[in-house]
Amino acid sequence: MLVCPPGCPAVDGHTLMSSSPAAPPLPLLRSPSRAASAVVILIGALVLVSWQLNIAILKSFFPGGVAMNPITALCFILSGVSLWLLSRETRTPPLRSIGRACAFIVAAIGMAKAGGYLAGWDVGIDRWLFRDRLAPATPYPLVRMAPNTAVNFLLLGSALLCLDWETRRGRRPAQYLAITAAFISFLALIGYLYGVRSFYGMTAYIPMALSTGIAFLVLSAGLLLAHADRGLMAVVTSRHAGGLMA
């Protein structure tokens, strides 16, 4: 027979064991998308500082590697700021407008650069910063924005613009765009790991830098976790068998 101690409520003759209140989660765990945006901003800032101070190791994250273009680093900073301001906790309209403006700039730069590759003309956006320092001692004449990098900025900038858009069937286009960008970035990392150049670059163009691929994966994860209980991510994060398998 179970004896209920003083102050312990009982229902139907059974003792209800009251558990101690759980400790509040860390802010980092409470807002993983904001943590991802902070990491992306940090990566972009470190690369810009490395271009200013001419620190080669911070440009590529490993000796002799492909360096991240300064405009690419700036786009990562804008993307991180956009994700931070467009997260669910932010409700101030002016801040959300700034976040959408940053996302639009990122998408526009990606579209202009990707369109330039397709059309065969050079818009020169990736030479706006540190123009006199973009000729490294590598097989490539200039540190440019790679084609797959431009496509990813177009995808993720568009995903940030439609981050809160949900269709009538409960689907969120931003999540599908982020998954596509994550797949391109994951291929690049696999290519670097196993030495398969076709996974992270095209023969005639400079490939995606390793640091760029890492930053894209973090940014894609932050976008997916911004609404982890909605759309496709609701299946992944559910406690049912499908969520556990995913």
Protein backbone atom coordinates (compact mmCIF):
# COMPACT_ATOMS: atom_id res chain seq x y z
CA MET A 1 0.00 0.00 0.00
CA LEU A 2 1.34 3.35 -1.03
CA VAL A 3 1.21 6.08 1.56
CA CYS A 4 0.78 9.61 0.35
CA PRO A 5 2.96 12.04 2.29
CA PRO A 6 1.47 15.29 3.55
CA GLY A 7 0.85 17.75 0.74
CA CYS A 8 0.99 15.11 -2.00
CA PRO A 9 -2.22 14.99 -4.09
CA ALA A 10 -3.84 11.59 -4.75
CA VAL A 11 -6.20 10.52 -7.49
CA ASP A 12 -8.16 7.23 -7.44
CA GLY A 13 -6.19 6.02 -4.44
CA HIS A 14 -2.81 6.17 -6.26
CA THR A 15 0.01 8.47 -5.32
CA LEU A 16 1.03 11.08 -7.85
CA MET A 17 4.78 11.38 -7.68
CA SER A 18 5.65 15.02 -8.22
CA SER A 19 8.97 15.44 -9.96
CA SER A 20 11.28 18.31 -9.27
CA PRO A 21 11.04 21.14 -11.78
CA ALA A 22 13.47 20.81 -14.63
CA ALA A 23 16.17 23.39 -14.95
CA PRO A 24 15.47 26.01 -17.61
CA PRO A 25 17.23 25.29 -20.90
CA LEU A 26 20.23 27.29 -21.92
CA PRO A 27 19.50 30.17 -24.32
CA LEU A 28 21.69 28.38 -26.87
CA LEU A 29 19.45 25.32 -26.71
CA ARG A 30 16.29 27.36 -26.54
CA SER A 31 17.07 29.20 -29.78
CA PRO A 32 19.24 26.95 -31.98
CA SER A 33 18.56 29.03 -35.07
CA ARG A 34 19.96 32.09 -33.32
CA ALA A 35 23.01 30.10 -32.27
CA ALA A 36 23.52 29.11 -35.91
CA SER A 37 23.17 32.72 -37.03
CA ALA A 38 25.79 33.79 -34.48
CA VAL A 39 28.22 31.14 -35.77
CA VAL A 40 27.70 32.24 -39.38
CA ILE A 41 28.22 35.90 -38.46
CA LEU A 42 31.40 34.97 -36.61
CA ILE A 43 32.77 33.00 -39.58
CA GLY A 44 32.06 35.87 -41.97
CA ALA A 45 33.59 38.44 -39.61
CA LEU A 46 36.74 36.35 -39.11
CA VAL A 47 37.22 36.03 -42.86
CA LEU A 48 36.78 39.78 -43.42
CA VAL A 49 39.27 40.52 -40.64
CA SER A 50 41.69 38.03 -42.21
CA TRP A 51 41.45 39.86 -45.54
CA GLN A 52 42.04 43.18 -43.81
CA LEU A 53 45.03 41.88 -41.84
CA ASN A 54 46.17 39.47 -44.59
CA ILE A 55 46.00 36.35 -42.39
CA ALA A 56 45.97 33.51 -44.92
CA ILE A 57 44.95 30.69 -42.58
CA LEU A 58 41.66 32.37 -41.61
CA LYS A 59 40.70 32.90 -45.25
CA SER A 60 40.63 29.17 -46.05
CA PHE A 61 40.71 27.44 -42.61
CA PHE A 62 43.63 25.22 -43.72
CA PRO A 63 47.00 25.91 -45.39
CA GLY A 64 46.93 25.96 -49.17
CA GLY A 65 43.16 25.76 -49.39
CA VAL A 66 40.77 27.88 -51.42
CA ALA A 67 40.09 31.18 -49.65
CA MET A 68 36.62 32.53 -49.03
CA ASN A 69 35.85 35.58 -51.15
CA PRO A 70 35.26 38.80 -49.12
CA ILE A 71 31.80 39.32 -50.65
CA THR A 72 30.97 35.73 -49.71
CA ALA A 73 31.94 36.55 -46.12
CA LEU A 74 29.80 39.68 -46.23
CA CYS A 75 26.84 37.64 -47.51
CA PHE A 76 27.25 35.25 -44.60
CA ILE A 77 27.16 38.17 -42.16
CA LEU A 78 24.00 39.52 -43.82
CA SER A 79 22.44 36.04 -43.80
CA GLY A 80 23.23 35.57 -40.12
CA VAL A 81 21.78 38.96 -39.25
CA SER A 82 18.68 38.18 -41.30
CA LEU A 83 18.16 34.81 -39.61
CA TRP A 84 18.61 36.40 -36.18
CA LEU A 85 16.08 39.16 -36.86
CA LEU A 86 13.55 36.92 -38.59
CA SER A 87 13.49 34.28 -35.86
CA ARG A 88 10.24 33.58 -34.07
CA GLU A 89 11.12 35.59 -30.97
CA THR A 90 11.47 38.83 -32.93
CA ARG A 91 8.18 40.66 -33.32
CA THR A 92 9.30 44.25 -33.95
CA PRO A 93 8.27 45.21 -37.51
CA PRO A 94 11.28 47.50 -38.16
CA LEU A 95 13.73 44.75 -37.21
CA ARG A 96 11.92 42.22 -39.36
CA SER A 97 12.07 44.68 -42.27
CA ILE A 98 15.84 44.96 -41.79
CA GLY A 99 16.07 41.17 -41.75
CA ARG A 100 14.13 40.88 -45.00
CA ALA A 101 16.29 43.59 -46.57
CA CYS A 102 19.45 41.64 -45.67
CA ALA A 103 17.91 38.47 -47.12
CA PHE A 104 16.99 40.31 -50.33
CA ILE A 105 20.56 41.58 -50.76
CA VAL A 106 21.94 38.05 -50.29
CA ALA A 107 19.47 36.57 -52.79
CA ALA A 108 20.15 39.37 -55.28
CA ILE A 109 23.93 38.87 -55.09
CA GLY A 110 23.51 35.12 -55.54
CA MET A 111 21.14 35.56 -58.46
CA ALA A 112 23.38 38.13 -60.17
CA LYS A 113 26.47 35.96 -59.80
CA ALA A 114 24.75 32.70 -60.78
CA GLY A 115 23.06 34.43 -63.73
CA GLY A 116 26.41 35.83 -64.79
CA TYR A 117 27.90 32.34 -64.88
CA LEU A 118 24.98 31.06 -66.98
CA ALA A 119 24.99 34.03 -69.37
CA GLY A 120 28.76 34.18 -69.70
CA TRP A 121 29.21 37.73 -68.45
CA ASP A 122 30.96 38.98 -65.34
CA VAL A 123 29.09 41.37 -63.05
CA GLY A 124 32.17 41.84 -60.87
CA ILE A 125 30.27 41.81 -57.57
CA ASP A 126 32.86 39.57 -55.94
CA ARG A 127 35.60 42.13 -56.64
CA TRP A 128 34.03 45.01 -54.74
CA LEU A 129 36.06 44.36 -51.58
CA PHE A 130 39.86 44.01 -51.38
CA ARG A 131 40.22 44.07 -55.16
CA ASP A 132 44.00 44.39 -54.96
CA ARG A 133 44.35 41.30 -52.74
CA LEU A 134 42.28 38.78 -54.68
CA ALA A 135 45.22 37.26 -56.59
CA PRO A 136 46.55 34.47 -54.33
CA ALA A 137 49.34 31.99 -54.91
CA THR A 138 46.95 29.24 -56.06
CA PRO A 139 46.12 27.66 -59.45
CA TYR A 140 43.23 30.14 -59.75
CA PRO A 141 43.94 33.67 -60.99
CA LEU A 142 41.52 35.35 -58.56
CA VAL A 143 39.58 34.46 -55.42
CA ARG A 144 36.07 34.59 -56.86
CA MET A 145 32.65 33.47 -55.71
CA ALA A 146 32.17 29.90 -56.94
CA PRO A 147 29.08 28.96 -59.00
CA ASN A 148 27.72 26.58 -56.34
CA THR A 149 28.32 29.29 -53.73
CA ALA A 150 26.23 31.75 -55.75
CA VAL A 151 23.43 29.18 -56.14
CA ASN A 152 23.41 28.53 -52.41
CA PHE A 153 23.14 32.24 -51.62
CA LEU A 154 20.21 32.47 -54.03
CA LEU A 155 18.53 29.49 -52.33
CA LEU A 156 19.16 30.59 -48.76
CA GLY A 157 18.39 34.26 -49.40
CA SER A 158 15.06 33.20 -50.92
CA ALA A 159 14.48 30.86 -47.96
CA LEU A 160 15.00 33.73 -45.53
CA LEU A 161 12.55 35.89 -47.47
CA CYS A 162 9.82 33.23 -47.24
CA LEU A 163 10.79 31.94 -43.78
CA ASP A 164 7.29 32.47 -42.34
CA TRP A 165 5.34 31.47 -45.44
CA GLU A 166 3.28 28.31 -45.10
CA THR A 167 1.09 26.84 -47.84
CA ARG A 168 -2.47 25.68 -47.31
CA ARG A 169 -1.23 22.11 -47.05
CA GLY A 170 1.12 23.05 -44.23
CA ARG A 171 4.30 23.01 -46.28
CA ARG A 172 7.06 25.57 -45.84
CA PRO A 173 9.04 26.33 -49.03
CA ALA A 174 11.90 27.79 -46.97
CA GLN A 175 12.65 24.35 -45.54
CA TYR A 176 12.92 22.74 -48.98
CA LEU A 177 15.22 25.53 -50.18
CA ALA A 178 17.40 25.11 -47.08
CA ILE A 179 17.58 21.33 -47.58
CA THR A 180 18.69 21.83 -51.19
CA ALA A 181 21.43 24.24 -50.10
CA ALA A 182 22.48 21.86 -47.31
CA PHE A 183 22.78 19.01 -49.83
CA ILE A 184 25.03 21.09 -52.11
CA SER A 185 27.20 22.05 -49.12
CA PHE A 186 27.33 18.48 -47.84
CA LEU A 187 28.53 17.30 -51.24
CA ALA A 188 31.30 19.90 -51.09
CA LEU A 189 32.44 18.69 -47.67
CA ILE A 190 32.38 15.06 -48.84
CA GLY A 191 34.42 16.11 -51.87
CA TYR A 192 37.06 17.75 -49.67
CA LEU A 193 37.12 14.73 -47.36
CA TYR A 194 37.67 12.18 -50.13
CA GLY A 195 39.45 14.39 -52.66
CA VAL A 196 36.64 14.37 -55.25
CA ARG A 197 36.85 17.82 -56.87
CA SER A 198 33.68 17.39 -58.92
CA PHE A 199 31.72 17.40 -55.64
CA TYR A 200 32.82 20.89 -54.59
CA GLY A 201 33.62 22.65 -57.87
CA MET A 202 33.49 22.74 -61.64
CA THR A 203 36.54 22.24 -63.81
CA ALA A 204 36.61 25.71 -65.36
CA TYR A 205 35.79 27.69 -62.20
CA ILE A 206 37.16 28.17 -58.73
CA PRO A 207 35.56 25.64 -56.31
CA MET A 208 33.62 26.32 -53.14
CA ALA A 209 35.96 26.93 -50.20
CA LEU A 210 35.86 24.50 -47.29
CA SER A 211 35.00 27.29 -44.88
CA THR A 212 32.16 28.32 -47.18
CA GLY A 213 30.71 24.80 -47.16
CA ILE A 214 30.84 24.65 -43.36
CA ALA A 215 29.13 28.03 -43.02
CA PHE A 216 26.42 27.00 -45.49
CA LEU A 217 25.67 23.85 -43.49
CA VAL A 218 25.36 25.83 -40.26
CA LEU A 219 23.13 28.43 -41.93
CA SER A 220 20.93 25.75 -43.49
CA ALA A 221 20.54 24.05 -40.12
CA GLY A 222 19.59 27.35 -38.52
CA LEU A 223 16.93 27.92 -41.16
CA LEU A 224 15.49 24.44 -40.67
CA LEU A 225 15.42 24.87 -36.88
CA ALA A 226 13.78 28.30 -37.03
CA HIS A 227 10.39 26.53 -37.21
CA ALA A 228 11.30 23.04 -36.07
CA ASP A 229 7.67 22.23 -35.17
CA ARG A 230 6.23 23.19 -38.55
CA GLY A 231 6.21 21.72 -42.06
CA LEU A 232 8.73 19.04 -42.91
CA MET A 233 10.70 19.55 -39.69
CA ALA A 234 7.62 18.65 -37.63
CA VAL A 235 8.08 15.07 -38.82
CA VAL A 236 11.80 15.05 -38.02
CA THR A 237 11.37 16.48 -34.51
CA SER A 238 8.28 14.47 -33.55
CA ARG A 239 8.37 11.84 -30.79
CA HIS A 240 6.69 9.23 -32.97
CA ALA A 241 8.41 6.40 -34.85
CA GLY A 242 8.84 8.49 -38.01
CA GLY A 243 10.59 11.26 -36.10
CA LEU A 244 12.87 8.82 -34.34
CA MET A 245 13.82 7.17 -37.64
CA ALA A 246 14.48 10.58 -39.26
